[in-house]
Amino acid sequence: MSKRALLEVIALDPLDAVAAQAGGADRLELVTDMAADGLTPPRTAFAAIRAAVDLPLRVMLRSADGFTAGEVTALCEEAAALRAEGAEEFVLGFLTPDGRPDLDAVAALAEVIDGCRWTFHRAIDRAADRDALRKELSAAAGTAGLDTYLTAGSAQGVDAGVQTLLAEQARTAAGEPGYAPRILVGGGLGLGHLPALRAAGLDAFHIGGAARPAGWSAPVDAAAVRTWREALDRPVAQRG
């Protein structure tokens, strides 16, 4: 029997968080400003969401749209303040102008969050070389806590990235260096993608807009999340 798949839902506020939990989410990604694809939420928002639900919360560390780190000192200060507020899991990831991982920025933030578990987000989908990025991060000092890559397999979304996701999952299953972190599939993910992904052994999924049928101006819909939960809980067809 396959283990329960993880369902992570983006939450902007306590209403989102409560609905996501009611629908069967396992974890929340906390952000603000989805017009910029998700930035660091205020400490007050984190505290309110933490008080509203008992799910694990991964908090975005990102100060501007795009995948450059920007002012790292200010971002480290925000991370420290969130950590002091009780945040225990994070989301981050930055690239240099030539598409390599920004190891200095990542290490600076990893030092502040001090071994907390964290996701390297979809910056991997914009990397010049995905495999090299994974191996550089795996070998780098100061990246303790990296346990997940949020990826669609392509900057264009899961439709374009399915084969990459399947290939990377095979490398994860084989224990290849750089492929130990869990793959969290997100970015244009649809229910129709799940059978092939689940059959290949992928077991972690991330939704944002799919949890909001009325759009980002409306809150998370518990029924929409439940639809995903039920789809993920169906028996997995084995690849033969």
Protein backbone atom coordinates (compact mmCIF):
# COMPACT_ATOMS: atom_id res chain seq x y z
CA MET A 1 0.00 0.00 0.00
CA SER A 2 1.40 3.41 -0.95
CA LYS A 3 1.85 6.02 1.74
CA ARG A 4 -0.43 9.03 1.93
CA ALA A 5 0.63 11.73 -0.51
CA LEU A 6 1.41 15.16 0.88
CA LEU A 7 -0.87 18.03 -0.20
CA GLU A 8 0.50 21.54 0.33
CA VAL A 9 -1.76 24.55 -0.23
CA ILE A 10 -0.82 28.23 -0.52
CA ALA A 11 -2.39 30.34 2.24
CA LEU A 12 -2.47 34.12 2.42
CA ASP A 13 -4.41 34.53 5.66
CA PRO A 14 -6.25 32.62 8.41
CA LEU A 15 -9.40 32.13 6.29
CA ASP A 16 -7.33 30.37 3.64
CA ALA A 17 -5.58 28.29 6.28
CA VAL A 18 -8.78 27.13 7.98
CA ALA A 19 -10.39 26.19 4.65
CA ALA A 20 -7.28 24.35 3.48
CA GLN A 21 -7.13 22.34 6.68
CA ALA A 22 -10.86 21.54 6.47
CA GLY A 23 -10.35 20.28 2.93
CA GLY A 24 -7.55 17.91 3.91
CA ALA A 25 -4.32 19.83 3.30
CA ASP A 26 -1.26 18.42 5.05
CA ARG A 27 0.85 21.56 4.99
CA LEU A 28 0.58 25.24 4.07
CA GLU A 29 2.93 27.53 2.20
CA LEU A 30 2.55 31.05 3.62
CA VAL A 31 3.06 34.01 1.29
CA THR A 32 1.80 37.47 0.55
CA ASP A 33 1.39 39.35 -2.75
CA MET A 34 0.60 36.71 -5.34
CA ALA A 35 0.85 39.40 -8.01
CA ALA A 36 4.59 38.95 -7.46
CA ASP A 37 4.25 35.15 -7.27
CA GLY A 38 4.48 35.11 -3.48
CA LEU A 39 6.63 37.16 -1.12
CA THR A 40 7.51 36.95 2.57
CA PRO A 41 4.39 37.38 4.71
CA PRO A 42 4.35 39.77 7.68
CA ARG A 43 5.03 38.30 11.11
CA THR A 44 1.49 39.25 12.12
CA ALA A 45 0.06 37.13 9.31
CA PHE A 46 2.23 34.18 10.30
CA ALA A 47 1.16 34.50 13.94
CA ALA A 48 -2.54 34.71 13.02
CA ILE A 49 -2.35 31.66 10.76
CA ARG A 50 -0.41 29.66 13.32
CA ALA A 51 -3.11 30.44 15.87
CA ALA A 52 -5.86 29.37 13.45
CA VAL A 53 -4.61 25.92 12.40
CA ASP A 54 -2.36 23.15 13.59
CA LEU A 55 -0.79 22.28 10.22
CA PRO A 56 2.92 22.60 9.45
CA LEU A 57 3.62 26.03 7.93
CA ARG A 58 6.36 26.72 5.40
CA VAL A 59 7.03 30.46 5.22
CA MET A 60 8.28 32.11 2.03
CA LEU A 61 11.54 34.09 2.22
CA ARG A 62 11.48 36.27 -0.90
CA SER A 63 11.50 40.05 -1.14
CA ALA A 64 10.66 40.73 -4.81
CA ASP A 65 9.32 39.11 -7.97
CA GLY A 66 11.92 37.05 -9.79
CA PHE A 67 14.66 34.79 -8.53
CA THR A 68 17.50 37.11 -7.54
CA ALA A 69 18.04 37.52 -3.81
CA GLY A 70 17.90 41.31 -3.65
CA GLU A 71 18.91 42.83 -0.30
CA VAL A 72 20.07 39.75 1.57
CA THR A 73 20.69 41.53 4.88
CA ALA A 74 17.09 42.77 5.04
CA LEU A 75 15.76 39.33 4.08
CA CYS A 76 17.88 37.73 6.81
CA GLU A 77 16.40 40.18 9.31
CA GLU A 78 12.90 39.18 8.24
CA ALA A 79 13.83 35.52 8.54
CA ALA A 80 15.21 36.07 12.03
CA ALA A 81 12.04 37.89 13.08
CA LEU A 82 9.84 35.08 11.74
CA ARG A 83 12.02 32.52 13.46
CA ALA A 84 11.64 34.43 16.73
CA GLU A 85 7.87 34.43 16.16
CA GLY A 86 7.96 30.64 16.02
CA ALA A 87 8.36 29.80 12.33
CA GLU A 88 10.05 26.41 11.93
CA GLU A 89 9.88 25.69 8.18
CA PHE A 90 10.70 27.91 5.21
CA VAL A 91 10.73 28.28 1.42
CA LEU A 92 13.58 30.04 -0.39
CA GLY A 93 15.86 29.83 -3.41
CA PHE A 94 17.84 32.26 -5.53
CA LEU A 95 19.77 32.29 -8.79
CA THR A 96 22.72 34.30 -10.00
CA PRO A 97 22.32 36.25 -13.27
CA ASP A 98 23.82 33.33 -15.18
CA GLY A 99 21.26 30.88 -13.79
CA ARG A 100 23.39 29.15 -11.16
CA PRO A 101 22.28 28.79 -7.53
CA ASP A 102 23.15 31.85 -5.46
CA LEU A 103 25.01 29.90 -2.81
CA ASP A 104 25.98 32.99 -0.79
CA ALA A 105 22.38 34.16 -0.40
CA VAL A 106 21.11 30.66 0.33
CA ALA A 107 23.82 30.03 2.93
CA ALA A 108 23.15 33.38 4.63
CA LEU A 109 19.47 32.58 5.07
CA ALA A 110 20.13 28.96 6.01
CA GLU A 111 22.40 30.20 8.79
CA VAL A 112 19.65 32.46 10.14
CA ILE A 113 17.01 29.73 10.11
CA ASP A 114 19.56 27.48 11.81
CA GLY A 115 18.85 23.99 10.52
CA CYS A 116 15.10 24.41 10.02
CA ARG A 117 13.65 22.37 7.18
CA TRP A 118 13.20 24.29 3.93
CA THR A 119 12.08 24.01 0.32
CA PHE A 120 14.09 25.29 -2.63
CA HIS A 121 11.27 26.73 -4.70
CA ARG A 122 10.66 27.02 -8.42
CA ALA A 123 13.88 28.89 -9.08
CA ILE A 124 15.08 25.42 -10.07
CA ASP A 125 12.77 25.63 -13.09
CA ARG A 126 14.67 28.73 -14.28
CA ALA A 127 18.13 27.33 -13.62
CA ALA A 128 20.65 27.09 -16.46
CA ASP A 129 21.31 23.46 -15.46
CA ARG A 130 18.91 21.69 -13.08
CA ASP A 131 21.22 18.78 -12.39
CA ALA A 132 24.19 21.05 -11.65
CA LEU A 133 22.05 23.18 -9.35
CA ARG A 134 21.03 20.16 -7.30
CA LYS A 135 24.59 18.92 -7.01
CA GLU A 136 26.00 22.35 -6.14
CA LEU A 137 23.43 22.77 -3.38
CA SER A 138 24.01 19.26 -2.12
CA ALA A 139 27.76 19.80 -1.88
CA ALA A 140 27.66 23.36 -0.54
CA ALA A 141 28.32 24.23 3.07
CA GLY A 142 25.44 26.00 4.81
CA THR A 143 22.51 24.29 3.12
CA ALA A 144 21.47 22.13 6.06
CA GLY A 145 17.73 21.62 6.23
CA LEU A 146 17.08 21.48 2.47
CA ASP A 147 14.60 18.62 2.19
CA THR A 148 12.35 19.55 -0.76
CA TYR A 149 12.39 20.98 -4.28
CA LEU A 150 9.18 22.66 -5.45
CA THR A 151 9.20 22.18 -9.21
CA ALA A 152 7.01 21.82 -12.27
CA GLY A 153 9.87 20.28 -14.20
CA SER A 154 9.78 23.30 -16.52
CA ALA A 155 9.39 27.06 -16.33
CA GLN A 156 6.31 26.56 -18.55
CA GLY A 157 4.56 24.37 -15.98
CA VAL A 158 3.81 20.71 -15.37
CA ASP A 159 2.39 20.09 -18.87
CA ALA A 160 5.84 20.83 -20.29
CA GLY A 161 7.76 19.32 -17.38
CA VAL A 162 6.18 15.91 -16.81
CA GLN A 163 9.01 13.93 -18.40
CA THR A 164 11.61 15.85 -16.40
CA LEU A 165 9.70 15.16 -13.19
CA LEU A 166 9.49 11.45 -13.98
CA ALA A 167 13.19 11.28 -14.78
CA GLU A 168 14.18 13.15 -11.63
CA GLN A 169 11.97 10.94 -9.48
CA ALA A 170 13.77 7.90 -10.91
CA ARG A 171 17.09 9.46 -9.92
CA THR A 172 15.71 10.17 -6.44
CA ALA A 173 14.57 6.56 -6.10
CA ALA A 174 18.01 5.38 -7.20
CA GLY A 175 19.68 7.45 -4.47
CA GLU A 176 21.72 9.55 -6.90
CA PRO A 177 23.82 12.32 -5.28
CA GLY A 178 21.92 15.62 -5.23
CA TYR A 179 18.54 13.91 -5.51
CA ALA A 180 17.80 13.11 -1.88
CA PRO A 181 15.38 16.03 -1.29
CA ARG A 182 11.73 15.22 -1.93
CA ILE A 183 10.12 16.47 -5.14
CA LEU A 184 7.08 18.66 -4.45
CA VAL A 185 5.21 19.01 -7.74
CA GLY A 186 3.61 22.41 -8.36
CA GLY A 187 3.17 25.03 -11.05
CA GLY A 188 0.30 24.49 -13.46
CA LEU A 189 -0.49 21.18 -11.79
CA GLY A 190 -3.85 19.67 -12.74
CA LEU A 191 -5.81 16.69 -11.49
CA GLY A 192 -5.18 14.97 -14.82
CA HIS A 193 -1.45 14.90 -14.14
CA LEU A 194 -1.80 12.89 -10.94
CA PRO A 195 -2.14 9.29 -12.23
CA ALA A 196 1.17 9.28 -14.11
CA LEU A 197 3.00 11.19 -11.40
CA ARG A 198 1.69 8.99 -8.60
CA ALA A 199 2.42 5.81 -10.55
CA ALA A 200 6.05 6.95 -10.87
CA GLY A 201 6.31 7.33 -7.10
CA LEU A 202 5.91 11.09 -6.75
CA ASP A 203 4.09 11.72 -3.49
CA ALA A 204 4.05 15.46 -2.75
CA PHE A 205 1.90 18.06 -4.50
CA HIS A 206 1.47 21.84 -4.21
CA ILE A 207 -1.57 23.87 -5.29
CA GLY A 208 -2.44 27.55 -5.25
CA GLY A 209 -4.93 28.70 -7.84
CA ALA A 210 -6.42 25.19 -8.01
CA ALA A 211 -7.65 25.69 -4.45
CA ARG A 212 -9.43 28.91 -5.46
CA PRO A 213 -11.99 28.30 -8.23
CA ALA A 214 -13.14 31.93 -7.93
CA GLY A 215 -9.62 33.30 -8.40
CA TRP A 216 -6.97 34.83 -6.17
CA SER A 217 -9.32 37.56 -4.99
CA ALA A 218 -11.38 34.87 -3.24
CA PRO A 219 -10.27 32.65 -0.34
CA VAL A 220 -9.28 29.00 -0.51
CA ASP A 221 -12.30 26.79 -1.13
CA ALA A 222 -12.42 23.78 1.21
CA ALA A 223 -14.39 21.73 -1.33
CA ALA A 224 -11.75 22.31 -4.00
CA VAL A 225 -9.02 21.17 -1.61
CA ARG A 226 -11.13 18.13 -0.72
CA THR A 227 -11.31 17.20 -4.40
CA TRP A 228 -7.52 17.10 -4.49
CA ARG A 229 -7.32 15.20 -1.22
CA GLU A 230 -9.70 12.55 -2.51
CA ALA A 231 -7.83 12.27 -5.81
CA LEU A 232 -4.53 11.77 -3.98
CA ASP A 233 -6.04 9.19 -1.64
CA ARG A 234 -7.20 6.91 -4.46
CA PRO A 235 -5.23 3.69 -4.94
CA VAL A 236 -2.18 4.18 -7.10
CA ALA A 237 -1.89 2.16 -10.29
CA GLN A 238 1.47 0.42 -10.34
CA ARG A 239 3.74 0.88 -13.32
CA GLY A 240 4.44 -2.42 -14.94
